[in-house]
C-alpha atoms as a PDB file:
ATOM      1  CA  MET A   1      21.086 -51.860 -43.189  1.00  0.00           C
ATOM      2  CA  ALA A   2      23.992 -51.639 -40.762  1.00  0.00           C
ATOM      3  CA  ARG A   3      23.759 -49.650 -37.542  1.00  0.00           C
ATOM      4  CA  LEU A   4      25.451 -46.284 -37.596  1.00  0.00           C
ATOM      5  CA  ARG A   5      28.301 -45.721 -35.184  1.00  0.00           C
ATOM      6  CA  ILE A   6      27.714 -42.001 -34.808  1.00  0.00           C
ATOM      7  CA  ARG A   7      24.768 -40.825 -32.726  1.00  0.00           C
ATOM      8  CA  LYS A   8      23.055 -37.594 -31.756  1.00  0.00           C
ATOM      9  CA  ASP A   9      25.077 -35.400 -29.326  1.00  0.00           C
ATOM     10  CA  ASP A  10      28.432 -36.986 -30.329  1.00  0.00           C
ATOM     11  CA  MET A  11      31.346 -34.642 -30.987  1.00  0.00           C
ATOM     12  CA  VAL A  12      32.687 -35.130 -34.520  1.00  0.00           C
ATOM     13  CA  ARG A  13      35.266 -33.587 -36.844  1.00  0.00           C
ATOM     14  CA  VAL A  14      34.645 -33.124 -40.572  1.00  0.00           C
ATOM     15  CA  ILE A  15      37.407 -34.895 -42.521  1.00  0.00           C
ATOM     16  CA  SER A  16      36.433 -34.032 -46.076  1.00  0.00           C
ATOM     17  CA  GLY A  17      34.644 -31.351 -48.063  1.00  0.00           C
ATOM     18  CA  ARG A  18      34.283 -27.601 -47.842  1.00  0.00           C
ATOM     19  CA  ASP A  19      34.165 -27.582 -44.027  1.00  0.00           C
ATOM     20  CA  ARG A  20      37.132 -29.932 -43.488  1.00  0.00           C
ATOM     21  CA  GLY A  21      38.700 -29.517 -40.040  1.00  0.00           C
ATOM     22  CA  LYS A  22      35.621 -28.092 -38.304  1.00  0.00           C
ATOM     23  CA  THR A  23      34.404 -29.722 -35.102  1.00  0.00           C
ATOM     24  CA  GLY A  24      30.849 -29.773 -33.832  1.00  0.00           C
ATOM     25  CA  ARG A  25      28.079 -31.650 -32.071  1.00  0.00           C
ATOM     26  CA  VAL A  26      25.760 -33.924 -34.038  1.00  0.00           C
ATOM     27  CA  VAL A  27      22.274 -32.415 -34.011  1.00  0.00           C
ATOM     28  CA  ARG A  28      20.425 -35.057 -36.023  1.00  0.00           C
ATOM     29  CA  VAL A  29      21.128 -38.427 -37.671  1.00  0.00           C
ATOM     30  CA  ASP A  30      19.280 -39.989 -40.610  1.00  0.00           C
ATOM     31  CA  PRO A  31      20.235 -43.677 -40.843  1.00  0.00           C
ATOM     32  CA  LYS A  32      18.225 -44.272 -44.019  1.00  0.00           C
ATOM     33  CA  THR A  33      20.247 -41.803 -46.117  1.00  0.00           C
ATOM     34  CA  GLN A  34      23.378 -42.110 -43.906  1.00  0.00           C
ATOM     35  CA  ARG A  35      23.574 -38.380 -43.254  1.00  0.00           C
ATOM     36  CA  VAL A  36      24.254 -36.314 -40.141  1.00  0.00           C
ATOM     37  CA  TRP A  37      23.613 -32.674 -39.278  1.00  0.00           C
ATOM     38  CA  VAL A  38      26.489 -31.044 -37.364  1.00  0.00           C
ATOM     39  CA  GLU A  39      26.352 -27.679 -35.562  1.00  0.00           C
ATOM     40  CA  GLY A  40      28.070 -24.959 -37.570  1.00  0.00           C
ATOM     41  CA  VAL A  41      28.893 -27.192 -40.547  1.00  0.00           C
ATOM     42  CA  ASN A  42      27.478 -27.025 -44.099  1.00  0.00           C
ATOM     43  CA  ILE A  43      25.522 -23.845 -43.412  1.00  0.00           C
ATOM     44  CA  GLN A  44      22.794 -23.302 -46.004  1.00  0.00           C
ATOM     45  CA  LYS A  45      20.742 -20.165 -46.576  1.00  0.00           C
ATOM     46  CA  LYS A  46      16.985 -20.236 -47.090  1.00  0.00           C
ATOM     47  CA  HIS A  47      15.085 -17.159 -48.239  1.00  0.00           C
ATOM     48  CA  LEU A  48      11.662 -16.778 -46.590  1.00  0.00           C
ATOM     49  CA  LYS A  49       8.887 -14.475 -47.707  1.00  0.00           C
ATOM     50  CA  PRO A  50       6.986 -12.736 -44.887  1.00  0.00           C
ATOM     51  CA  ARG A  51       3.556 -14.325 -44.425  1.00  0.00           C
ATOM     52  CA  THR A  52       0.509 -13.562 -42.302  1.00  0.00           C
ATOM     53  CA  LEU A  53      -0.728 -16.252 -39.940  1.00  0.00           C
ATOM     54  CA  ARG A  54      -4.490 -16.420 -39.412  1.00  0.00           C
ATOM     55  CA  ASP A  55      -4.634 -17.164 -35.732  1.00  0.00           C
ATOM     56  CA  VAL A  56      -6.092 -15.519 -32.671  1.00  0.00           C
ATOM     57  CA  GLN A  57      -3.196 -13.179 -32.010  1.00  0.00           C
ATOM     58  CA  ARG A  58      -2.710 -12.071 -35.647  1.00  0.00           C
ATOM     59  CA  GLN A  59       1.050 -12.448 -35.506  1.00  0.00           C
ATOM     60  CA  GLN A  60       3.164 -12.122 -38.590  1.00  0.00           C
ATOM     61  CA  GLN A  61       5.891 -14.528 -39.633  1.00  0.00           C
ATOM     62  CA  VAL A  62       8.969 -12.484 -40.396  1.00  0.00           C
ATOM     63  CA  GLY A  63      10.757 -13.035 -43.663  1.00  0.00           C
ATOM     64  CA  GLY A  64      14.423 -12.821 -44.471  1.00  0.00           C
ATOM     65  CA  VAL A  65      17.377 -15.096 -44.919  1.00  0.00           C
ATOM     66  CA  LEU A  66      17.606 -18.042 -42.511  1.00  0.00           C
ATOM     67  CA  GLU A  67      20.863 -19.888 -41.994  1.00  0.00           C
ATOM     68  CA  ARG A  68      20.763 -23.503 -40.864  1.00  0.00           C
ATOM     69  CA  GLU A  69      22.856 -26.657 -40.959  1.00  0.00           C
ATOM     70  CA  GLY A  70      22.623 -28.961 -43.934  1.00  0.00           C
ATOM     71  CA  PRO A  71      23.303 -32.697 -44.061  1.00  0.00           C
ATOM     72  CA  VAL A  72      26.787 -34.196 -44.344  1.00  0.00           C
ATOM     73  CA  HIS A  73      27.405 -37.794 -45.387  1.00  0.00           C
ATOM     74  CA  ILE A  74      28.439 -39.948 -42.441  1.00  0.00           C
ATOM     75  CA  SER A  75      31.631 -41.036 -44.212  1.00  0.00           C
ATOM     76  CA  ASN A  76      32.872 -37.431 -44.113  1.00  0.00           C
ATOM     77  CA  VAL A  77      32.905 -37.167 -40.308  1.00  0.00           C
ATOM     78  CA  MET A  78      34.925 -38.913 -37.598  1.00  0.00           C
ATOM     79  CA  LEU A  79      34.126 -39.225 -33.934  1.00  0.00           C
ATOM     80  CA  ILE A  80      36.340 -37.303 -31.487  1.00  0.00           C
ATOM     81  CA  ASP A  81      38.203 -39.539 -29.016  1.00  0.00           C
ATOM     82  CA  PRO A  82      37.119 -38.613 -25.459  1.00  0.00           C
ATOM     83  CA  LYS A  83      40.664 -39.122 -24.094  1.00  0.00           C
ATOM     84  CA  SER A  84      42.940 -37.486 -26.667  1.00  0.00           C
ATOM     85  CA  GLY A  85      40.585 -35.150 -28.518  1.00  0.00           C
ATOM     86  CA  GLN A  86      41.750 -36.545 -31.879  1.00  0.00           C
ATOM     87  CA  PRO A  87      39.512 -38.098 -34.555  1.00  0.00           C
ATOM     88  CA  THR A  88      39.137 -41.855 -34.174  1.00  0.00           C
ATOM     89  CA  ARG A  89      37.396 -44.797 -35.728  1.00  0.00           C
ATOM     90  CA  VAL A  90      34.639 -46.461 -33.751  1.00  0.00           C
ATOM     91  CA  GLY A  91      34.456 -50.116 -32.767  1.00  0.00           C
ATOM     92  CA  VAL A  92      31.615 -52.042 -31.196  1.00  0.00           C
ATOM     93  CA  VAL A  93      32.115 -54.724 -28.531  1.00  0.00           C
ATOM     94  CA  ARG A  94      29.808 -56.657 -26.225  1.00  0.00           C
ATOM     95  CA  ARG A  95      30.366 -56.112 -22.517  1.00  0.00           C
ATOM     96  CA  ASP A  96      28.057 -57.667 -19.910  1.00  0.00           C
ATOM     97  CA  GLY A  97      25.542 -58.498 -22.634  1.00  0.00           C
ATOM     98  CA  ARG A  98      25.244 -54.943 -23.922  1.00  0.00           C
ATOM     99  CA  ARG A  99      26.588 -53.268 -27.039  1.00  0.00           C
ATOM    100  CA  VAL A 100      29.276 -50.679 -26.250  1.00  0.00           C
ATOM    101  CA  ARG A 101      31.025 -48.282 -28.620  1.00  0.00           C
ATOM    102  CA  ILE A 102      34.781 -47.887 -28.121  1.00  0.00           C
ATOM    103  CA  ALA A 103      37.343 -45.503 -29.606  1.00  0.00           C
ATOM    104  CA  LYS A 104      39.878 -47.432 -31.677  1.00  0.00           C
ATOM    105  CA  ARG A 105      42.619 -44.852 -30.970  1.00  0.00           C
ATOM    106  CA  SER A 106      42.606 -45.136 -27.158  1.00  0.00           C
ATOM    107  CA  GLY A 107      40.254 -48.024 -26.408  1.00  0.00           C
ATOM    108  CA  ALA A 108      38.081 -45.764 -24.236  1.00  0.00           C
ATOM    109  CA  GLU A 109      34.341 -46.367 -23.949  1.00  0.00           C
ATOM    110  CA  ILE A 110      32.284 -43.726 -25.685  1.00  0.00           C
ATOM    111  CA  ASP A 111      28.936 -44.320 -24.005  1.00  0.00           C
END
């Protein structure tokens, strides 16, 4: 399995799908399924029934409709170039014996 070139806390733009054009920060990455969760993108609704928790304080879990981010395939997002703010492809080079990601558009180091 190849290493993914997008990591948690990267700024990305969605390039395909219902949320095309939206920009957000990567919240979570799943390399096994090649999916990323991006803030404010692919919002899904989950309906929760109110339930009672049997603990010391006798709190109740509130029900209702929760909105949260869903997964997006990694091929549908592009990293934002730190210099120009435009979407860019990501390259990997070795500098001083370490692996460094670079933006193909400007050649700037990403991390």
